Amino acid sequence: EQKLTFTCKTGSTVTDTTIFIAMETDYEDYALYYLCTTVKSSGDMYDNYVVARRSQTKEIPEKLKSSTKDLDMKPC
């Protein structure tokens, strides 16, 4: 499991922290990430899944379709 923590600040004040976890990747074209964000002021937590691709397509790679079928993912 690969994990990256991103801390967002306004000036020196932390506004939120997001943990990115690489769930699945082919190391050449795509990766499926799980993101968990905690808002500092309220303690609220939000989670998302993201498919990142090097190719210019917005399609979910065939190998990820079974992993993402229940996630209601939308292209952006």
N, C-alpha and C. Protein backbone atom coordinates (compact mmCIF):
# COMPACT_ATOMS: atom_id res chain seq x y z
N GLU A 1 0.85 -1.19 0.00
CA GLU A 1 0.00 0.00 0.00
C GLU A 1 0.89 1.24 0.00
N GLN A 2 0.70 2.09 -0.99
CA GLN A 2 1.43 3.35 -1.09
C GLN A 2 0.55 4.46 -0.52
N LYS A 3 1.10 5.29 0.37
CA LYS A 3 0.32 6.34 1.01
C LYS A 3 1.05 7.67 0.94
N LEU A 4 0.30 8.74 0.68
CA LEU A 4 0.84 10.09 0.63
C LEU A 4 -0.09 10.99 1.42
N THR A 5 0.45 11.83 2.29
CA THR A 5 -0.36 12.76 3.07
C THR A 5 -0.11 14.18 2.57
N PHE A 6 -1.20 14.89 2.28
CA PHE A 6 -1.15 16.27 1.78
C PHE A 6 -1.83 17.16 2.81
N THR A 7 -1.13 18.16 3.31
CA THR A 7 -1.69 19.10 4.27
C THR A 7 -1.89 20.44 3.59
N CYS A 8 -3.14 20.91 3.57
CA CYS A 8 -3.48 22.19 2.94
C CYS A 8 -3.47 23.29 4.00
N LYS A 9 -2.82 24.40 3.68
CA LYS A 9 -2.72 25.52 4.61
C LYS A 9 -3.16 26.81 3.95
N THR A 10 -3.71 27.70 4.77
CA THR A 10 -3.94 29.08 4.39
C THR A 10 -3.02 29.89 5.29
N GLY A 11 -1.96 30.43 4.70
CA GLY A 11 -0.92 31.04 5.53
C GLY A 11 -0.25 29.93 6.31
N SER A 12 -0.23 30.05 7.63
CA SER A 12 0.35 29.00 8.46
C SER A 12 -0.71 28.13 9.13
N THR A 13 -2.00 28.38 8.80
CA THR A 13 -3.10 27.64 9.41
C THR A 13 -3.48 26.43 8.56
N VAL A 14 -3.46 25.26 9.17
CA VAL A 14 -3.87 24.03 8.47
C VAL A 14 -5.38 24.04 8.32
N THR A 15 -5.87 23.88 7.08
CA THR A 15 -7.31 23.84 6.83
C THR A 15 -7.83 22.42 6.68
N ASP A 16 -7.05 21.56 6.05
CA ASP A 16 -7.45 20.16 5.94
C ASP A 16 -6.24 19.29 5.64
N THR A 17 -6.42 18.01 5.87
CA THR A 17 -5.39 17.02 5.57
C THR A 17 -6.03 15.92 4.75
N THR A 18 -5.39 15.55 3.64
CA THR A 18 -5.89 14.48 2.79
C THR A 18 -4.85 13.38 2.70
N ILE A 19 -5.30 12.15 2.91
CA ILE A 19 -4.44 10.98 2.75
C ILE A 19 -4.81 10.33 1.42
N PHE A 20 -3.83 10.15 0.56
CA PHE A 20 -4.01 9.48 -0.73
C PHE A 20 -3.44 8.07 -0.59
N ILE A 21 -4.22 7.07 -0.93
CA ILE A 21 -3.75 5.69 -0.89
C ILE A 21 -3.90 5.10 -2.29
N ALA A 22 -2.79 4.63 -2.86
CA ALA A 22 -2.83 3.96 -4.16
C ALA A 22 -3.37 2.55 -3.94
N MET A 23 -4.56 2.30 -4.49
CA MET A 23 -5.23 1.01 -4.32
C MET A 23 -4.79 0.00 -5.38
N GLU A 24 -4.65 0.49 -6.61
CA GLU A 24 -4.34 -0.39 -7.73
C GLU A 24 -3.69 0.44 -8.84
N THR A 25 -2.69 -0.12 -9.49
CA THR A 25 -2.03 0.59 -10.59
C THR A 25 -1.36 -0.40 -11.54
N ASP A 26 -1.18 0.03 -12.78
CA ASP A 26 -0.39 -0.78 -13.71
C ASP A 26 1.00 -0.15 -13.90
N TYR A 27 1.29 0.95 -13.22
CA TYR A 27 2.57 1.66 -13.24
C TYR A 27 2.93 2.25 -14.60
N GLU A 28 2.00 2.17 -15.56
CA GLU A 28 2.27 2.73 -16.88
C GLU A 28 1.21 3.73 -17.33
N ASP A 29 -0.07 3.43 -17.05
CA ASP A 29 -1.14 4.28 -17.55
C ASP A 29 -2.12 4.74 -16.48
N TYR A 30 -2.45 3.91 -15.53
CA TYR A 30 -3.54 4.26 -14.61
C TYR A 30 -3.23 3.90 -13.16
N ALA A 31 -3.97 4.56 -12.28
CA ALA A 31 -3.93 4.22 -10.85
C ALA A 31 -5.29 4.55 -10.26
N LEU A 32 -5.72 3.73 -9.32
CA LEU A 32 -6.94 3.97 -8.55
C LEU A 32 -6.50 4.41 -7.17
N TYR A 33 -6.96 5.60 -6.77
CA TYR A 33 -6.61 6.16 -5.47
C TYR A 33 -7.85 6.29 -4.59
N TYR A 34 -7.65 6.06 -3.30
CA TYR A 34 -8.66 6.36 -2.29
C TYR A 34 -8.15 7.60 -1.57
N LEU A 35 -9.02 8.61 -1.40
CA LEU A 35 -8.67 9.85 -0.71
C LEU A 35 -9.56 10.01 0.51
N CYS A 36 -8.95 10.31 1.63
CA CYS A 36 -9.69 10.58 2.86
C CYS A 36 -9.25 11.96 3.36
N THR A 37 -10.20 12.90 3.39
CA THR A 37 -9.91 14.28 3.79
C THR A 37 -10.54 14.57 5.14
N THR A 38 -9.76 15.17 6.03
CA THR A 38 -10.27 15.63 7.32
C THR A 38 -10.18 17.14 7.35
N VAL A 39 -11.34 17.79 7.56
CA VAL A 39 -11.40 19.25 7.66
C VAL A 39 -11.04 19.62 9.10
N LYS A 40 -10.00 20.42 9.25
CA LYS A 40 -9.47 20.76 10.58
C LYS A 40 -10.49 21.48 11.46
N SER A 41 -11.22 22.45 10.90
CA SER A 41 -12.12 23.27 11.72
C SER A 41 -13.29 22.50 12.30
N SER A 42 -13.80 21.51 11.57
CA SER A 42 -14.99 20.79 12.03
C SER A 42 -14.71 19.34 12.40
N GLY A 43 -13.60 18.81 11.93
CA GLY A 43 -13.31 17.40 12.14
C GLY A 43 -14.06 16.49 11.17
N ASP A 44 -14.86 17.10 10.26
CA ASP A 44 -15.59 16.31 9.27
C ASP A 44 -14.62 15.56 8.38
N MET A 45 -15.02 14.35 7.99
CA MET A 45 -14.20 13.54 7.10
C MET A 45 -14.98 13.24 5.83
N TYR A 46 -14.28 13.29 4.71
CA TYR A 46 -14.86 13.01 3.40
C TYR A 46 -13.96 12.02 2.69
N ASP A 47 -14.58 11.08 1.96
CA ASP A 47 -13.75 10.17 1.19
C ASP A 47 -14.18 10.17 -0.27
N ASN A 48 -13.22 9.89 -1.13
CA ASN A 48 -13.43 9.85 -2.58
C ASN A 48 -12.50 8.80 -3.17
N TYR A 49 -12.87 8.39 -4.36
CA TYR A 49 -12.00 7.53 -5.17
C TYR A 49 -11.70 8.28 -6.45
N VAL A 50 -10.47 8.15 -6.93
CA VAL A 50 -10.04 8.83 -8.15
C VAL A 50 -9.28 7.84 -9.03
N VAL A 51 -9.61 7.85 -10.32
CA VAL A 51 -8.82 7.12 -11.30
C VAL A 51 -7.99 8.15 -12.05
N ALA A 52 -6.68 8.02 -11.98
CA ALA A 52 -5.77 8.92 -12.70
C ALA A 52 -5.17 8.14 -13.86
N ARG A 53 -5.11 8.82 -15.03
CA ARG A 53 -4.58 8.17 -16.23
C ARG A 53 -3.57 9.07 -16.92
N ARG A 54 -2.57 8.47 -17.53
CA ARG A 54 -1.63 9.21 -18.36
C ARG A 54 -2.21 9.44 -19.75
N SER A 55 -2.98 8.46 -20.24
CA SER A 55 -3.58 8.62 -21.56
C SER A 55 -4.70 9.66 -21.49
N GLN A 56 -5.09 10.18 -22.62
CA GLN A 56 -6.05 11.29 -22.69
C GLN A 56 -7.51 10.84 -22.61
N THR A 57 -7.78 9.59 -22.36
CA THR A 57 -9.15 9.11 -22.31
C THR A 57 -9.75 9.30 -20.92
N LYS A 58 -11.07 9.43 -20.87
CA LYS A 58 -11.77 9.54 -19.59
C LYS A 58 -12.40 8.20 -19.19
N GLU A 59 -12.14 7.18 -19.99
CA GLU A 59 -12.70 5.86 -19.72
C GLU A 59 -11.96 5.19 -18.56
N ILE A 60 -12.71 4.42 -17.78
CA ILE A 60 -12.09 3.63 -16.72
C ILE A 60 -11.44 2.42 -17.39
N PRO A 61 -10.17 2.16 -17.09
CA PRO A 61 -9.49 1.02 -17.70
C PRO A 61 -10.23 -0.29 -17.42
N GLU A 62 -10.21 -1.17 -18.38
CA GLU A 62 -10.92 -2.46 -18.26
C GLU A 62 -10.53 -3.20 -16.98
N LYS A 63 -9.26 -3.18 -16.63
CA LYS A 63 -8.79 -3.91 -15.44
C LYS A 63 -9.29 -3.31 -14.13
N LEU A 64 -9.80 -2.06 -14.16
CA LEU A 64 -10.33 -1.43 -12.94
C LEU A 64 -11.85 -1.48 -12.85
N LYS A 65 -12.51 -1.92 -13.90
CA LYS A 65 -13.98 -1.88 -13.92
C LYS A 65 -14.61 -2.69 -12.79
N SER A 66 -14.07 -3.84 -12.46
CA SER A 66 -14.65 -4.63 -11.37
C SER A 66 -14.40 -3.95 -10.02
N SER A 67 -13.27 -3.27 -9.86
CA SER A 67 -12.95 -2.58 -8.60
C SER A 67 -13.78 -1.32 -8.39
N THR A 68 -14.26 -0.73 -9.49
CA THR A 68 -14.94 0.57 -9.39
C THR A 68 -16.43 0.51 -9.68
N LYS A 69 -16.97 -0.66 -10.02
CA LYS A 69 -18.36 -0.74 -10.48
C LYS A 69 -19.37 -0.24 -9.45
N ASP A 70 -19.11 -0.35 -8.16
CA ASP A 70 -20.06 0.07 -7.13
C ASP A 70 -19.76 1.47 -6.57
N LEU A 71 -18.84 2.20 -7.18
CA LEU A 71 -18.41 3.50 -6.64
C LEU A 71 -19.14 4.69 -7.24
N ASP A 72 -19.99 4.49 -8.24
CA ASP A 72 -20.73 5.58 -8.88
C ASP A 72 -19.78 6.69 -9.34
N MET A 73 -18.71 6.30 -10.01
CA MET A 73 -17.72 7.27 -10.48
C MET A 73 -18.23 8.04 -11.68
N LYS A 74 -17.84 9.32 -11.73
CA LYS A 74 -18.24 10.20 -12.82
C LYS A 74 -17.00 10.83 -13.44
N PRO A 75 -16.98 10.98 -14.78
CA PRO A 75 -15.82 11.61 -15.41
C PRO A 75 -15.78 13.11 -15.13
N CYS A 76 -14.60 13.66 -15.06
CA CYS A 76 -14.47 15.11 -14.89
C CYS A 76 -13.34 15.63 -15.73
